[in-house]
Amino acid sequence: MLLGYNTNGLADHTLPAAIELVADLGYKSIAITVDHHALNPYGDRLREELHNLRSLLGERGLMAVIETGARYLLDVRHKHQPTLVSAGRDQQQVRIDFLCRAVDLAAELDAACVSFWSGAALDEVGESELVARLTQALKPVIEHAAERRVTLAFEPEPGHLVDTMAKYECLLNEMSRDEAEQLRLTIDIGHLHCQGEVPIDAQLHKWAERLENVHIEDMRHGVHEHLPFGEGEIAFGPVLGALDEIGFAGPVTVELPRHSHVGPAMAGQSIRFLRSVSE
């Protein structure tokens, strides 16, 4: 596995500074949460940024993941909106376009994958309608990723339409075989614990063949709050042991989006903890 850190927990740093910090601490991957200040796909200097970041990532030996969970990049008033399940094709198209741009970023940086989720709808309609919206909105994203030879890693997210592993499995069953094969998986360890999808090691074994990307942090049952290691309830020995057992060689990135104010200290503390558990 390639231990890494998510830049949403280093939001007070420039992206190059975050990369240098993460590399200096000994991480081998970095999850880049695309945002206003971090590889903004709508920015005027994107080509220059991509060139510089590609060089820096290569020099520091870091594998990148492109993460798409910025809170207000697409809508300055509504968190994580619009989504793939928003009402109106024009709203869905905003998210589709963003995800396709994220795919382009991943292709330019030779990133491990693009990690994303379904999102939640603001209008009150039945689940079958929302699933239909999602499967249709996914088609152009999947097609574009295939053209660019970029891996898509879908993350079940609490509070979203697809929030559990069971819902992810149902989504796959609604898609064509080829589409489902291209919709790979991001597992968030804290989310599994939060929603009672345990034992976590069993989930990792079950989904080993689809797994491309892992988010890791501590969490408490029933509370979707990303916590530093040791402040929640998760036993991480079996988790890291399972990742070793399935031979997972991809990114395992710490995700602490509410801790940027202590980002450097938290990044250092996190890698020391993970190393101690895996020894």
Protein backbone atom coordinates (compact mmCIF):
# COMPACT_ATOMS: atom_id res chain seq x y z
CA MET A 1 0.00 0.00 0.00
CA LEU A 2 1.05 3.61 -0.60
CA LEU A 3 0.36 5.66 2.53
CA GLY A 4 -0.72 9.18 1.68
CA TYR A 5 -2.40 12.35 2.88
CA ASN A 6 -5.33 14.32 1.44
CA THR A 7 -4.78 17.99 0.64
CA ASN A 8 -8.22 18.83 2.04
CA GLY A 9 -6.45 18.53 5.39
CA LEU A 10 -3.77 20.99 4.25
CA ALA A 11 -6.07 23.63 2.82
CA ASP A 12 -4.00 26.50 4.28
CA HIS A 13 -0.99 25.41 2.20
CA THR A 14 -0.33 25.94 -1.47
CA LEU A 15 -0.47 22.69 -3.40
CA PRO A 16 3.31 22.60 -4.06
CA ALA A 17 3.96 23.25 -0.36
CA ALA A 18 1.55 20.45 0.60
CA ILE A 19 3.31 18.06 -1.77
CA GLU A 20 6.71 18.92 -0.31
CA LEU A 21 5.42 18.50 3.25
CA VAL A 22 3.78 15.15 2.56
CA ALA A 23 6.90 13.83 0.80
CA ASP A 24 9.21 15.05 3.56
CA LEU A 25 7.14 13.13 6.11
CA GLY A 26 7.66 9.91 4.17
CA TYR A 27 4.28 9.44 2.51
CA LYS A 28 4.25 7.77 -0.91
CA SER A 29 0.97 9.15 -2.27
CA ILE A 30 -1.06 12.33 -2.12
CA ALA A 31 -4.80 12.78 -2.65
CA ILE A 32 -5.29 16.13 -4.38
CA THR A 33 -8.72 17.55 -3.61
CA VAL A 34 -9.27 19.81 -6.60
CA ASP A 35 -10.48 23.20 -5.34
CA HIS A 36 -10.28 26.95 -5.86
CA HIS A 37 -6.67 26.99 -4.64
CA ALA A 38 -5.58 23.50 -5.69
CA LEU A 39 -5.37 22.59 -9.37
CA ASN A 40 -8.59 24.45 -10.20
CA PRO A 41 -9.71 22.96 -13.52
CA TYR A 42 -11.30 26.31 -14.44
CA GLY A 43 -8.18 28.35 -13.62
CA ASP A 44 -6.32 30.53 -16.11
CA ARG A 45 -2.93 28.97 -15.31
CA LEU A 46 -3.97 25.33 -15.36
CA ARG A 47 -1.53 24.18 -18.06
CA GLU A 48 1.41 25.74 -16.23
CA GLU A 49 0.26 24.29 -12.91
CA LEU A 50 -0.06 20.82 -14.41
CA HIS A 51 3.43 20.96 -15.89
CA ASN A 52 4.96 22.09 -12.61
CA LEU A 53 3.01 19.59 -10.50
CA ARG A 54 3.85 16.68 -12.76
CA SER A 55 7.53 17.51 -12.37
CA LEU A 56 7.25 17.97 -8.60
CA LEU A 57 5.35 14.73 -8.07
CA GLY A 58 7.97 12.88 -10.09
CA GLU A 59 10.86 14.45 -8.22
CA ARG A 60 9.32 13.61 -4.84
CA GLY A 61 8.19 10.11 -5.83
CA LEU A 62 4.50 10.60 -5.00
CA MET A 63 1.56 8.86 -6.63
CA ALA A 64 -1.40 11.22 -7.00
CA VAL A 65 -5.12 10.61 -6.65
CA ILE A 66 -7.55 13.20 -7.98
CA GLU A 67 -10.29 13.79 -5.40
CA THR A 68 -13.48 15.66 -6.31
CA GLY A 69 -15.09 16.43 -2.96
CA ALA A 70 -14.47 20.19 -2.80
CA ARG A 71 -17.28 21.85 -0.88
CA TYR A 72 -18.00 25.04 -2.83
CA LEU A 73 -16.08 24.86 -6.08
CA LEU A 74 -19.15 24.45 -8.28
CA ASP A 75 -21.69 26.39 -6.22
CA VAL A 76 -20.57 29.09 -3.80
CA ARG A 77 -23.80 28.87 -1.77
CA HIS A 78 -24.59 25.17 -1.54
CA LYS A 79 -22.13 22.60 -0.25
CA HIS A 80 -21.26 19.77 -2.64
CA GLN A 81 -23.82 20.94 -5.21
CA PRO A 82 -24.80 20.36 -7.95
CA THR A 83 -24.44 16.58 -8.17
CA LEU A 84 -24.98 13.71 -10.57
CA VAL A 85 -28.48 13.32 -9.12
CA SER A 86 -29.53 16.98 -9.12
CA ALA A 87 -32.87 17.91 -10.65
CA GLY A 88 -32.49 19.11 -14.22
CA ARG A 89 -30.00 17.93 -16.80
CA ASP A 90 -28.32 21.34 -16.83
CA GLN A 91 -27.43 20.97 -13.15
CA GLN A 92 -26.19 17.41 -13.60
CA GLN A 93 -24.13 18.58 -16.57
CA VAL A 94 -22.17 20.94 -14.33
CA ARG A 95 -21.01 17.97 -12.25
CA ILE A 96 -20.46 15.80 -15.34
CA ASP A 97 -18.25 18.47 -16.89
CA PHE A 98 -16.30 18.83 -13.65
CA LEU A 99 -15.72 15.09 -13.38
CA CYS A 100 -14.57 14.93 -16.99
CA ARG A 101 -12.13 17.75 -16.28
CA ALA A 102 -10.93 15.79 -13.24
CA VAL A 103 -10.33 12.82 -15.53
CA ASP A 104 -8.23 15.05 -17.77
CA LEU A 105 -6.18 16.17 -14.77
CA ALA A 106 -5.63 12.56 -13.76
CA ALA A 107 -4.49 11.66 -17.27
CA GLU A 108 -1.97 14.52 -17.29
CA LEU A 109 -0.56 13.54 -13.89
CA ASP A 110 -0.63 9.76 -14.38
CA ALA A 111 -2.80 9.64 -11.27
CA ALA A 112 -3.91 6.34 -9.76
CA CYS A 113 -7.58 7.22 -10.16
CA VAL A 114 -10.30 9.84 -9.92
CA SER A 115 -12.31 9.38 -6.73
CA PHE A 116 -15.90 10.67 -6.63
CA TRP A 117 -19.38 10.02 -5.24
CA SER A 118 -23.05 10.17 -6.26
CA GLY A 119 -24.00 13.27 -4.32
CA ALA A 120 -27.40 13.98 -2.82
CA ALA A 121 -30.47 15.51 -4.44
CA LEU A 122 -32.19 18.60 -3.07
CA ASP A 123 -35.59 17.79 -4.54
CA GLU A 124 -37.87 15.18 -3.01
CA VAL A 125 -38.37 12.37 -5.52
CA GLY A 126 -38.35 8.60 -5.24
CA GLU A 127 -35.16 6.57 -5.07
CA SER A 128 -35.84 4.86 -8.40
CA GLU A 129 -35.88 8.26 -10.13
CA LEU A 130 -32.63 9.23 -8.44
CA VAL A 131 -30.95 5.98 -9.44
CA ALA A 132 -32.08 6.55 -13.02
CA ARG A 133 -30.57 10.05 -12.94
CA LEU A 134 -27.32 8.67 -11.58
CA THR A 135 -26.91 5.85 -14.08
CA GLN A 136 -27.56 8.21 -16.98
CA ALA A 137 -25.22 10.89 -15.66
CA LEU A 138 -22.46 8.34 -15.14
CA LYS A 139 -22.41 7.27 -18.80
CA PRO A 140 -20.50 10.27 -20.25
CA VAL A 141 -18.06 10.25 -17.32
CA ILE A 142 -17.33 6.56 -17.80
CA GLU A 143 -16.94 7.02 -21.55
CA HIS A 144 -14.55 9.93 -21.12
CA ALA A 145 -12.48 8.06 -18.53
CA ALA A 146 -12.21 5.09 -20.88
CA GLU A 147 -11.03 7.35 -23.69
CA ARG A 148 -8.37 8.89 -21.45
CA ARG A 149 -7.47 5.52 -19.88
CA VAL A 150 -8.17 6.83 -16.39
CA THR A 151 -9.53 4.69 -13.54
CA LEU A 152 -12.74 5.82 -11.83
CA ALA A 153 -13.10 4.93 -8.14
CA PHE A 154 -16.61 5.45 -6.78
CA GLU A 155 -16.99 6.20 -3.07
CA PRO A 156 -20.12 5.39 -1.04
CA GLU A 157 -20.63 8.52 1.08
CA PRO A 158 -22.87 8.98 4.15
CA GLY A 159 -25.81 11.24 3.41
CA HIS A 160 -25.60 10.70 -0.35
CA LEU A 161 -27.79 8.59 -2.61
CA VAL A 162 -25.19 5.83 -2.65
CA ASP A 163 -24.07 5.76 0.96
CA THR A 164 -23.27 2.11 1.71
CA MET A 165 -21.53 -0.84 0.13
CA ALA A 166 -24.94 -2.46 -0.36
CA LYS A 167 -26.13 0.59 -2.32
CA TYR A 168 -22.92 0.51 -4.38
CA GLU A 169 -23.64 -3.13 -5.23
CA CYS A 170 -27.19 -2.21 -6.24
CA LEU A 171 -25.84 0.56 -8.47
CA LEU A 172 -23.55 -1.88 -10.25
CA ASN A 173 -26.54 -4.13 -10.91
CA GLU A 174 -28.36 -1.22 -12.59
CA MET A 175 -25.54 -0.67 -15.06
CA SER A 176 -24.36 -2.54 -18.10
CA ARG A 177 -21.60 -5.07 -17.55
CA ASP A 178 -19.00 -2.91 -19.29
CA GLU A 179 -20.03 0.23 -17.37
CA ALA A 180 -20.00 -1.59 -14.05
CA GLU A 181 -16.55 -2.98 -14.74
CA GLN A 182 -15.20 0.56 -15.22
CA LEU A 183 -16.82 1.88 -12.05
CA ARG A 184 -14.17 0.79 -9.58
CA LEU A 185 -14.18 1.47 -5.84
CA THR A 186 -12.96 3.86 -3.17
CA ILE A 187 -13.53 2.58 0.36
CA ASP A 188 -13.46 4.97 3.29
CA ILE A 189 -12.55 3.04 6.45
CA GLY A 190 -14.28 5.53 8.75
CA HIS A 191 -17.49 5.40 6.73
CA LEU A 192 -17.68 1.62 7.12
CA HIS A 193 -17.42 1.92 10.89
CA CYS A 194 -19.77 4.91 11.08
CA GLN A 195 -22.53 3.06 9.26
CA GLY A 196 -22.02 -0.32 10.90
CA GLU A 197 -20.65 -2.05 7.81
CA VAL A 198 -18.43 -4.28 9.86
CA PRO A 199 -16.22 -6.14 10.33
CA ILE A 200 -14.13 -3.80 8.19
CA ASP A 201 -11.55 -6.44 7.32
CA ALA A 202 -14.31 -8.63 5.89
CA GLN A 203 -15.51 -5.77 3.68
CA LEU A 204 -11.98 -5.27 2.37
CA HIS A 205 -11.70 -8.93 1.51
CA LYS A 206 -15.14 -8.96 -0.16
CA TRP A 207 -14.35 -5.99 -2.39
CA ALA A 208 -10.65 -6.65 -2.97
CA GLU A 209 -10.98 -7.20 -6.72
CA ARG A 210 -12.65 -3.81 -7.25
CA LEU A 211 -10.68 -1.77 -4.75
CA GLU A 212 -8.56 1.04 -6.22
CA ASN A 213 -8.40 3.66 -3.48
CA VAL A 214 -8.71 3.82 0.32
CA HIS A 215 -9.45 6.73 2.65
CA ILE A 216 -8.47 6.23 6.25
CA GLU A 217 -9.19 8.06 9.50
CA ASP A 218 -10.80 7.32 12.85
CA MET A 219 -14.55 7.64 13.43
CA ARG A 220 -17.33 6.81 15.88
CA HIS A 221 -20.36 4.67 15.15
CA GLY A 222 -23.28 6.72 13.86
CA VAL A 223 -21.34 10.00 13.63
CA HIS A 224 -19.91 11.07 10.27
CA GLU A 225 -16.97 13.06 11.61
CA HIS A 226 -13.41 12.41 10.41
CA LEU A 227 -11.22 12.10 13.50
CA PRO A 228 -7.47 11.77 14.12
CA PHE A 229 -6.30 8.26 14.91
CA GLY A 230 -7.01 7.34 18.51
CA GLU A 231 -9.96 9.72 18.91
CA GLY A 232 -12.54 7.30 17.52
CA GLU A 233 -13.38 3.64 17.95
CA ILE A 234 -11.67 1.81 15.09
CA ALA A 235 -9.09 -0.93 15.66
CA PHE A 236 -6.65 -0.37 12.82
CA GLY A 237 -4.51 -3.47 13.20
CA PRO A 238 -7.06 -5.73 11.46
CA VAL A 239 -7.69 -3.04 8.82
CA LEU A 240 -4.05 -2.71 7.77
CA GLY A 241 -3.64 -6.44 8.13
CA ALA A 242 -6.51 -7.04 5.69
CA LEU A 243 -5.02 -4.60 3.18
CA ASP A 244 -1.78 -6.57 3.36
CA GLU A 245 -3.59 -9.88 3.03
CA ILE A 246 -5.41 -8.83 -0.15
CA GLY A 247 -2.18 -7.45 -1.56
CA PHE A 248 -3.51 -3.93 -1.95
CA ALA A 249 -0.78 -1.84 -3.58
CA GLY A 250 -2.72 1.39 -4.14
CA PRO A 251 -3.08 4.65 -2.22
CA VAL A 252 -4.27 4.64 1.40
CA THR A 253 -4.71 8.33 2.20
CA VAL A 254 -5.47 10.00 5.50
CA GLU A 255 -8.53 12.26 5.20
CA LEU A 256 -8.93 14.92 7.89
CA PRO A 257 -10.68 17.84 6.18
CA ARG A 258 -11.42 19.72 9.41
CA HIS A 259 -7.83 19.80 10.62
CA SER A 260 -6.03 22.11 8.20
CA HIS A 261 -5.32 24.53 11.05
CA VAL A 262 -2.99 21.86 12.47
CA GLY A 263 -2.24 20.17 9.17
CA PRO A 264 1.54 19.65 9.42
CA ALA A 265 1.35 18.26 12.95
CA MET A 266 -1.60 16.02 12.06
CA ALA A 267 0.10 14.70 8.94
CA GLY A 268 3.19 13.81 10.96
CA GLN A 269 1.18 12.25 13.77
CA SER A 270 -0.86 10.20 11.30
CA ILE A 271 2.04 8.57 9.48
CA ARG A 272 3.76 7.72 12.76
CA PHE A 273 0.55 6.03 13.95
CA LEU A 274 0.06 4.04 10.75
CA ARG A 275 3.66 2.89 10.74
CA SER A 276 3.44 1.80 14.37
CA VAL A 277 0.30 -0.24 13.72
CA SER A 278 1.67 -1.91 10.61
CA GLU A 279 4.99 -2.95 12.21
